[in-house]
C-alpha atoms as a PDB file:
ATOM      1  CA  MET A   1       0.210 -13.464 -10.531  1.00  0.00           C
ATOM      2  CA  ASN A   2       3.175 -12.736  -8.227  1.00  0.00           C
ATOM      3  CA  ALA A   3       3.483  -8.938  -7.443  1.00  0.00           C
ATOM      4  CA  SER A   4       6.109  -6.837  -9.566  1.00  0.00           C
ATOM      5  CA  HIS A   5       6.253  -3.625  -7.440  1.00  0.00           C
ATOM      6  CA  HIS A   6       7.071  -4.250  -3.804  1.00  0.00           C
ATOM      7  CA  PRO A   7       7.422  -2.094  -0.618  1.00  0.00           C
ATOM      8  CA  SER A   8      11.050  -0.969   0.118  1.00  0.00           C
ATOM      9  CA  ASP A   9      13.213  -3.089   2.302  1.00  0.00           C
ATOM     10  CA  ASP A  10      13.066  -0.475   4.912  1.00  0.00           C
ATOM     11  CA  LEU A  11       9.597  -0.739   5.105  1.00  0.00           C
ATOM     12  CA  LEU A  12       9.489  -4.232   5.376  1.00  0.00           C
ATOM     13  CA  VAL A  13      12.385  -4.416   7.937  1.00  0.00           C
ATOM     14  CA  SER A  14      10.327  -2.120  10.125  1.00  0.00           C
ATOM     15  CA  TYR A  15       7.314  -4.088   9.605  1.00  0.00           C
ATOM     16  CA  ALA A  16       9.239  -7.131  10.889  1.00  0.00           C
ATOM     17  CA  ALA A  17      10.541  -5.203  13.881  1.00  0.00           C
ATOM     18  CA  GLY A  18       7.073  -3.891  14.774  1.00  0.00           C
ATOM     19  CA  SER A  19       7.863  -0.471  14.564  1.00  0.00           C
ATOM     20  CA  LEU A  20       5.900   0.524  11.747  1.00  0.00           C
ATOM     21  CA  ASP A  21       2.784   2.815  12.258  1.00  0.00           C
ATOM     22  CA  GLU A  22      -0.382   0.817  12.012  1.00  0.00           C
ATOM     23  CA  PRO A  23      -1.936   2.487   8.821  1.00  0.00           C
ATOM     24  CA  SER A  24       1.359   1.563   6.982  1.00  0.00           C
ATOM     25  CA  SER A  25       1.426  -1.959   8.368  1.00  0.00           C
ATOM     26  CA  ILE A  26      -2.337  -2.602   7.457  1.00  0.00           C
ATOM     27  CA  LEU A  27      -1.102  -1.958   3.745  1.00  0.00           C
ATOM     28  CA  ILE A  28       2.060  -3.828   4.233  1.00  0.00           C
ATOM     29  CA  ALA A  29       0.227  -6.851   6.012  1.00  0.00           C
ATOM     30  CA  THR A  30      -2.134  -6.888   3.147  1.00  0.00           C
ATOM     31  CA  HIS A  31       0.701  -6.941   0.459  1.00  0.00           C
ATOM     32  CA  LEU A  32       2.426  -9.787   2.156  1.00  0.00           C
ATOM     33  CA  SER A  33      -0.801 -12.174   2.211  1.00  0.00           C
ATOM     34  CA  LEU A  34      -0.304 -11.748  -1.777  1.00  0.00           C
ATOM     35  CA  CYS A  35       3.376 -11.799  -1.945  1.00  0.00           C
ATOM     36  CA  PRO A  36       5.720 -14.659  -1.295  1.00  0.00           C
ATOM     37  CA  VAL A  37       8.762 -12.631  -2.201  1.00  0.00           C
ATOM     38  CA  CYS A  38       8.176 -10.189   0.497  1.00  0.00           C
ATOM     39  CA  ARG A  39       7.188 -12.456   3.160  1.00  0.00           C
ATOM     40  CA  GLY A  40      10.213 -14.151   2.655  1.00  0.00           C
ATOM     41  CA  VAL A  41      12.008 -11.066   3.211  1.00  0.00           C
ATOM     42  CA  VAL A  42       9.932 -10.202   6.493  1.00  0.00           C
ATOM     43  CA  ALA A  43      11.026 -13.795   7.585  1.00  0.00           C
ATOM     44  CA  LYS A  44      14.827 -13.379   7.034  1.00  0.00           C
ATOM     45  CA  ALA A  45      14.392  -9.877   8.850  1.00  0.00           C
ATOM     46  CA  GLU A  46      12.876 -11.400  11.702  1.00  0.00           C
ATOM     47  CA  GLY A  47      15.139 -13.940  12.013  1.00  0.00           C
ATOM     48  CA  ILE A  48      17.914 -11.631  11.990  1.00  0.00           C
ATOM     49  CA  GLY A  49      16.529  -9.181  14.180  1.00  0.00           C
ATOM     50  CA  GLY A  50      16.446 -11.783  16.936  1.00  0.00           C
ATOM     51  CA  GLU A  51      20.065 -12.517  16.512  1.00  0.00           C
ATOM     52  CA  LEU A  52      21.246  -8.543  16.658  1.00  0.00           C
ATOM     53  CA  ILE A  53      18.905  -7.821  19.821  1.00  0.00           C
ATOM     54  CA  GLU A  54      21.634 -10.239  21.624  1.00  0.00           C
ATOM     55  CA  GLU A  55      24.561  -8.701  19.732  1.00  0.00           C
ATOM     56  CA  ILE A  56      23.817  -4.811  19.763  1.00  0.00           C
ATOM     57  CA  ASP A  57      24.006  -2.616  23.046  1.00  0.00           C
ATOM     58  CA  PRO A  58      20.619  -1.564  23.822  1.00  0.00           C
ATOM     59  CA  SER A  59      21.512   2.258  23.243  1.00  0.00           C
ATOM     60  CA  ASP A  60      22.484   1.547  19.980  1.00  0.00           C
ATOM     61  CA  ILE A  61      19.071   0.140  18.820  1.00  0.00           C
ATOM     62  CA  GLY A  62      17.536   2.382  16.344  1.00  0.00           C
ATOM     63  CA  ALA A  63      18.954   3.483  12.865  1.00  0.00           C
ATOM     64  CA  SER A  64      22.127   1.653  13.406  1.00  0.00           C
ATOM     65  CA  ALA A  65      19.876  -1.614  14.231  1.00  0.00           C
ATOM     66  CA  LEU A  66      17.835  -1.176  10.846  1.00  0.00           C
ATOM     67  CA  ASP A  67      21.027  -0.606   8.905  1.00  0.00           C
ATOM     68  CA  ALA A  68      22.662  -3.732  10.221  1.00  0.00           C
ATOM     69  CA  VAL A  69      19.294  -6.013   9.270  1.00  0.00           C
ATOM     70  CA  LEU A  70      19.405  -4.426   5.601  1.00  0.00           C
ATOM     71  CA  ALA A  71      23.178  -5.054   5.242  1.00  0.00           C
ATOM     72  CA  ARG A  72      22.553  -8.939   6.388  1.00  0.00           C
ATOM     73  CA  LEU A  73      19.592  -9.132   4.218  1.00  0.00           C
ATOM     74  CA  ASP A  74      22.078  -8.170   1.126  1.00  0.00           C
ATOM     75  CA  GLU A  75      24.514 -10.878   2.166  1.00  0.00           C
ATOM     76  CA  GLN A  76      22.085 -13.601   2.845  1.00  0.00           C
ATOM     77  CA  GLU A  77      20.709 -15.793  -0.312  1.00  0.00           C
ATOM     78  CA  GLU A  78      17.212 -15.197  -1.516  1.00  0.00           C
ATOM     79  CA  PHE A  79      14.757 -17.009   0.518  1.00  0.00           C
ATOM     80  CA  VAL A  80      11.144 -16.712  -0.789  1.00  0.00           C
ATOM     81  CA  SER A  81       8.250 -18.433   1.085  1.00  0.00           C
ATOM     82  CA  ALA A  82       5.404 -20.446  -0.350  1.00  0.00           C
ATOM     83  CA  ALA A  83       2.866 -18.400  -2.519  1.00  0.00           C
ATOM     84  CA  VAL A  84      -0.263 -18.711  -0.123  1.00  0.00           C
ATOM     85  CA  GLU A  85      -2.770 -15.977  -0.703  1.00  0.00           C
ATOM     86  CA  THR A  86      -5.335 -15.483   2.786  1.00  0.00           C
ATOM     87  CA  VAL A  87      -8.437 -13.900   1.150  1.00  0.00           C
ATOM     88  CA  ASP A  88     -11.788 -13.722   1.844  1.00  0.00           C
ATOM     89  CA  GLU A  89     -13.893 -15.212  -0.953  1.00  0.00           C
ATOM     90  CA  GLY A  90     -17.168 -13.648   0.127  1.00  0.00           C
ATOM     91  CA  ALA A  91     -20.055 -14.382  -2.614  1.00  0.00           C
ATOM     92  CA  ASP A  92     -21.545 -11.187  -2.662  1.00  0.00           C
ATOM     93  CA  ASP A  93     -18.390  -9.084  -3.213  1.00  0.00           C
ATOM     94  CA  PRO A  94     -16.598  -8.647  -6.525  1.00  0.00           C
ATOM     95  CA  VAL A  95     -13.212  -8.284  -4.634  1.00  0.00           C
ATOM     96  CA  SER A  96     -10.964 -11.048  -2.766  1.00  0.00           C
ATOM     97  CA  ILE A  97     -10.104  -9.185   0.119  1.00  0.00           C
ATOM     98  CA  PRO A  98      -7.076 -10.639   1.959  1.00  0.00           C
ATOM     99  CA  ARG A  99      -7.767 -11.296   5.561  1.00  0.00           C
ATOM    100  CA  PRO A 100      -5.342  -8.751   7.182  1.00  0.00           C
ATOM    101  CA  LEU A 101      -7.508  -5.735   5.386  1.00  0.00           C
ATOM    102  CA  LYS A 102     -10.829  -7.848   6.059  1.00  0.00           C
ATOM    103  CA  ASP A 103     -10.686  -7.429   9.488  1.00  0.00           C
ATOM    104  CA  TYR A 104     -10.649  -3.617   9.185  1.00  0.00           C
ATOM    105  CA  LEU A 105     -13.497  -3.378   6.838  1.00  0.00           C
ATOM    106  CA  PRO A 106     -17.185  -3.239   8.368  1.00  0.00           C
ATOM    107  CA  GLY A 107     -18.897  -5.105   5.289  1.00  0.00           C
ATOM    108  CA  ALA A 108     -18.456  -6.041   1.903  1.00  0.00           C
ATOM    109  CA  ILE A 109     -16.801  -3.540  -0.683  1.00  0.00           C
ATOM    110  CA  LYS A 110     -20.003  -2.804  -2.409  1.00  0.00           C
ATOM    111  CA  SER A 111     -21.510  -1.896   1.099  1.00  0.00           C
ATOM    112  CA  LEU A 112     -19.237   0.854   2.372  1.00  0.00           C
ATOM    113  CA  PRO A 113     -19.966   4.499   2.202  1.00  0.00           C
ATOM    114  CA  TRP A 114     -18.403   5.467  -0.851  1.00  0.00           C
ATOM    115  CA  ARG A 115     -17.704   9.346  -1.466  1.00  0.00           C
ATOM    116  CA  TRP A 116     -17.335  11.013  -4.988  1.00  0.00           C
ATOM    117  CA  LEU A 117     -13.885  12.374  -5.528  1.00  0.00           C
ATOM    118  CA  GLY A 118     -14.765  13.075  -9.494  1.00  0.00           C
ATOM    119  CA  PRO A 119     -16.036  11.594 -12.418  1.00  0.00           C
ATOM    120  CA  GLY A 120     -15.541   7.457 -12.144  1.00  0.00           C
ATOM    121  CA  VAL A 121     -13.522   7.876  -8.987  1.00  0.00           C
ATOM    122  CA  ARG A 122     -14.673   7.065  -5.529  1.00  0.00           C
ATOM    123  CA  TYR A 123     -13.375   6.905  -2.005  1.00  0.00           C
ATOM    124  CA  THR A 124     -13.734   5.498   1.479  1.00  0.00           C
ATOM    125  CA  ALA A 125     -11.978   5.889   4.638  1.00  0.00           C
ATOM    126  CA  ILE A 126     -11.361   2.825   6.555  1.00  0.00           C
ATOM    127  CA  HIS A 127      -8.923   3.819   9.146  1.00  0.00           C
ATOM    128  CA  THR A 128      -8.431   7.421  10.549  1.00  0.00           C
ATOM    129  CA  GLU A 129      -6.703   9.045  13.536  1.00  0.00           C
ATOM    130  CA  ALA A 130      -5.965  12.385  14.664  1.00  0.00           C
ATOM    131  CA  LYS A 131      -2.881  12.408  13.839  1.00  0.00           C
ATOM    132  CA  GLY A 132      -0.861  10.179  11.362  1.00  0.00           C
ATOM    133  CA  PRO A 133      -1.249   8.562   8.140  1.00  0.00           C
ATOM    134  CA  LYS A 134      -4.873   7.870   6.787  1.00  0.00           C
ATOM    135  CA  VAL A 135      -6.107   4.701   5.189  1.00  0.00           C
ATOM    136  CA  GLY A 136      -8.633   4.285   2.508  1.00  0.00           C
ATOM    137  CA  LEU A 137     -10.025   2.465  -0.279  1.00  0.00           C
ATOM    138  CA  LEU A 138     -10.059   3.966  -3.892  1.00  0.00           C
ATOM    139  CA  ARG A 139     -12.315   2.655  -6.881  1.00  0.00           C
ATOM    140  CA  ILE A 140     -11.542   4.063 -10.409  1.00  0.00           C
ATOM    141  CA  ALA A 141     -14.011   2.825 -13.179  1.00  0.00           C
ATOM    142  CA  PRO A 142     -12.357   1.174 -16.143  1.00  0.00           C
ATOM    143  CA  GLY A 143     -10.513   3.507 -18.338  1.00  0.00           C
ATOM    144  CA  THR A 144     -10.966   6.354 -16.025  1.00  0.00           C
ATOM    145  CA  LYS A 145      -8.018   8.990 -15.808  1.00  0.00           C
ATOM    146  CA  VAL A 146      -7.717  10.291 -12.167  1.00  0.00           C
ATOM    147  CA  PRO A 147      -6.874  14.108 -12.111  1.00  0.00           C
ATOM    148  CA  MET A 148      -3.038  15.311 -12.376  1.00  0.00           C
ATOM    149  CA  HIS A 149      -1.847  15.511  -8.947  1.00  0.00           C
ATOM    150  CA  GLY A 150       1.185  15.610  -6.784  1.00  0.00           C
ATOM    151  CA  HIS A 151       1.638  14.983  -3.147  1.00  0.00           C
ATOM    152  CA  SER A 152       2.290  17.043   0.029  1.00  0.00           C
ATOM    153  CA  GLY A 153       3.538  13.934   1.896  1.00  0.00           C
ATOM    154  CA  ASP A 154       4.177  10.240   1.147  1.00  0.00           C
ATOM    155  CA  GLU A 155       1.567   7.870  -0.068  1.00  0.00           C
ATOM    156  CA  MET A 156       1.452   4.376  -0.875  1.00  0.00           C
ATOM    157  CA  THR A 157      -0.948   2.543  -3.280  1.00  0.00           C
ATOM    158  CA  MET A 158      -1.854  -1.202  -3.351  1.00  0.00           C
ATOM    159  CA  VAL A 159      -3.968  -2.581  -6.002  1.00  0.00           C
ATOM    160  CA  LEU A 160      -6.486  -5.024  -4.954  1.00  0.00           C
ATOM    161  CA  ALA A 161      -8.424  -5.343  -8.201  1.00  0.00           C
ATOM    162  CA  GLY A 162      -8.071  -4.484 -11.786  1.00  0.00           C
ATOM    163  CA  GLY A 163      -5.144  -2.310 -12.298  1.00  0.00           C
ATOM    164  CA  TYR A 164      -3.709   1.207 -13.428  1.00  0.00           C
ATOM    165  CA  THR A 165      -0.886   2.675 -15.487  1.00  0.00           C
ATOM    166  CA  ASP A 166       1.003   6.037 -14.579  1.00  0.00           C
ATOM    167  CA  ALA A 167       4.353   7.358 -15.689  1.00  0.00           C
ATOM    168  CA  THR A 168       6.148   5.132 -13.547  1.00  0.00           C
ATOM    169  CA  GLY A 169       4.572   1.605 -14.806  1.00  0.00           C
ATOM    170  CA  ASN A 170       1.757  -0.658 -14.666  1.00  0.00           C
ATOM    171  CA  PHE A 171       0.301  -1.840 -11.492  1.00  0.00           C
ATOM    172  CA  GLN A 172      -1.731  -5.131 -11.043  1.00  0.00           C
ATOM    173  CA  ARG A 173      -3.300  -6.941  -7.970  1.00  0.00           C
ATOM    174  CA  GLY A 174      -0.676  -6.957  -5.229  1.00  0.00           C
ATOM    175  CA  ASP A 175       1.377  -3.957  -6.485  1.00  0.00           C
ATOM    176  CA  VAL A 176       2.450  -1.389  -4.367  1.00  0.00           C
ATOM    177  CA  GLU A 177       3.533   2.177  -5.634  1.00  0.00           C
ATOM    178  CA  ALA A 178       5.354   4.649  -3.213  1.00  0.00           C
ATOM    179  CA  ALA A 179       4.908   8.475  -4.018  1.00  0.00           C
ATOM    180  CA  ASP A 180       6.385  11.420  -2.440  1.00  0.00           C
ATOM    181  CA  ASP A 181       6.241  15.079  -2.735  1.00  0.00           C
ATOM    182  CA  GLY A 182       8.567  14.985  -5.877  1.00  0.00           C
ATOM    183  CA  LEU A 183       6.057  12.791  -8.098  1.00  0.00           C
ATOM    184  CA  VAL A 184       3.291  14.319  -9.926  1.00  0.00           C
ATOM    185  CA  HIS A 185       1.135  11.769 -12.004  1.00  0.00           C
ATOM    186  CA  GLN A 186      -1.915  10.888 -13.617  1.00  0.00           C
ATOM    187  CA  PRO A 187      -2.984   7.032 -12.866  1.00  0.00           C
ATOM    188  CA  VAL A 188      -5.140   5.831 -15.656  1.00  0.00           C
ATOM    189  CA  ALA A 189      -7.336   2.831 -14.836  1.00  0.00           C
ATOM    190  CA  ASP A 190      -7.050  -0.556 -17.094  1.00  0.00           C
ATOM    191  CA  ALA A 191      -9.913  -1.166 -19.381  1.00  0.00           C
ATOM    192  CA  GLY A 192     -12.191  -3.999 -18.786  1.00  0.00           C
ATOM    193  CA  GLU A 193     -12.148  -4.106 -14.927  1.00  0.00           C
ATOM    194  CA  GLU A 194     -12.955  -1.710 -11.886  1.00  0.00           C
ATOM    195  CA  CYS A 195      -9.756  -0.688 -10.313  1.00  0.00           C
ATOM    196  CA  VAL A 196      -9.771  -1.033  -6.581  1.00  0.00           C
ATOM    197  CA  CYS A 197      -6.836  -0.017  -4.188  1.00  0.00           C
ATOM    198  CA  LEU A 198      -5.855   0.576  -0.861  1.00  0.00           C
ATOM    199  CA  VAL A 199      -4.164   3.882  -0.230  1.00  0.00           C
ATOM    200  CA  VAL A 200      -2.040   5.126   2.977  1.00  0.00           C
ATOM    201  CA  THR A 201      -1.574   8.941   2.654  1.00  0.00           C
ATOM    202  CA  GLU A 202       0.053  11.510   4.983  1.00  0.00           C
ATOM    203  CA  GLY A 203      -0.705  14.970   3.938  1.00  0.00           C
ATOM    204  CA  GLU A 204      -3.046  15.899   0.914  1.00  0.00           C
ATOM    205  CA  LEU A 205      -3.090  15.381  -2.748  1.00  0.00           C
ATOM    206  CA  GLN A 206      -1.857  18.627  -4.639  1.00  0.00           C
ATOM    207  CA  PRO A 207      -4.201  18.913  -8.086  1.00  0.00           C
ATOM    208  CA  THR A 208      -2.644  20.302 -11.047  1.00  0.00           C
ATOM    209  CA  GLY A 209      -4.083  21.284 -14.062  1.00  0.00           C
ATOM    210  CA  MET A 210      -7.220  23.230 -14.707  1.00  0.00           C
ATOM    211  CA  ILE A 211      -9.760  20.115 -14.405  1.00  0.00           C
ATOM    212  CA  ALA A 212      -7.924  19.106 -11.368  1.00  0.00           C
ATOM    213  CA  LYS A 213      -8.407  22.249  -9.722  1.00  0.00           C
ATOM    214  CA  VAL A 214     -12.028  22.583 -10.441  1.00  0.00           C
ATOM    215  CA  LEU A 215     -12.381  19.226  -8.493  1.00  0.00           C
ATOM    216  CA  GLN A 216     -10.043  20.244  -5.804  1.00  0.00           C
ATOM    217  CA  PRO A 217     -12.805  20.577  -3.563  1.00  0.00           C
ATOM    218  CA  PHE A 218     -13.937  17.253  -3.746  1.00  0.00           C
ATOM    219  CA  PHE A 219     -10.648  15.499  -4.720  1.00  0.00           C
ATOM    220  CA  ARG A 220      -9.101  14.787  -1.068  1.00  0.00           C
ATOM    221  CA  PHE A 221      -8.750  12.222   1.252  1.00  0.00           C
END
């Protein structure tokens, strides 16, 4: 199954240029291992970027270069690379982990130090820095409603197993949802299979509603 929800072209071009922060790069690289469409966008951006380096004055490299790459991406015909998943199929792990993410994990999914966030919801950090975005994994039991919440900063969520639905749509393996401080939502895990997600967050979650506020001391990454 190919992904239906993708990172923005801006993020993909920044990744191709090597200017994206490491936490976001972990998620983008993981998505690329599952998404031939976005691999094609990155391949085009890398090729165009090489041409622009020769054309653009060094003092102009920055936002103008990004705009130029995005403009050329719009001009070119769609390019889709072969659909090849790079995953680790460990027999002792219920989730097939793409290789870019596997390199950051100390062990199998089930052996990681999971922290309770609320009924049916667990979280573990996998990459932390004093400053900048945080990266972690989220496990949601089948049919579980995550507490209604907003965000004090940007958040990207990528599904690794199972799926979930919120007001913006349904998300399955490989899909990426981008949230900002304008989105308030309540993801609900699909029935039948645990939902496992890779999450990159800036700022803190902002629980809303009575139950969410009661859980607020626990409901944070």
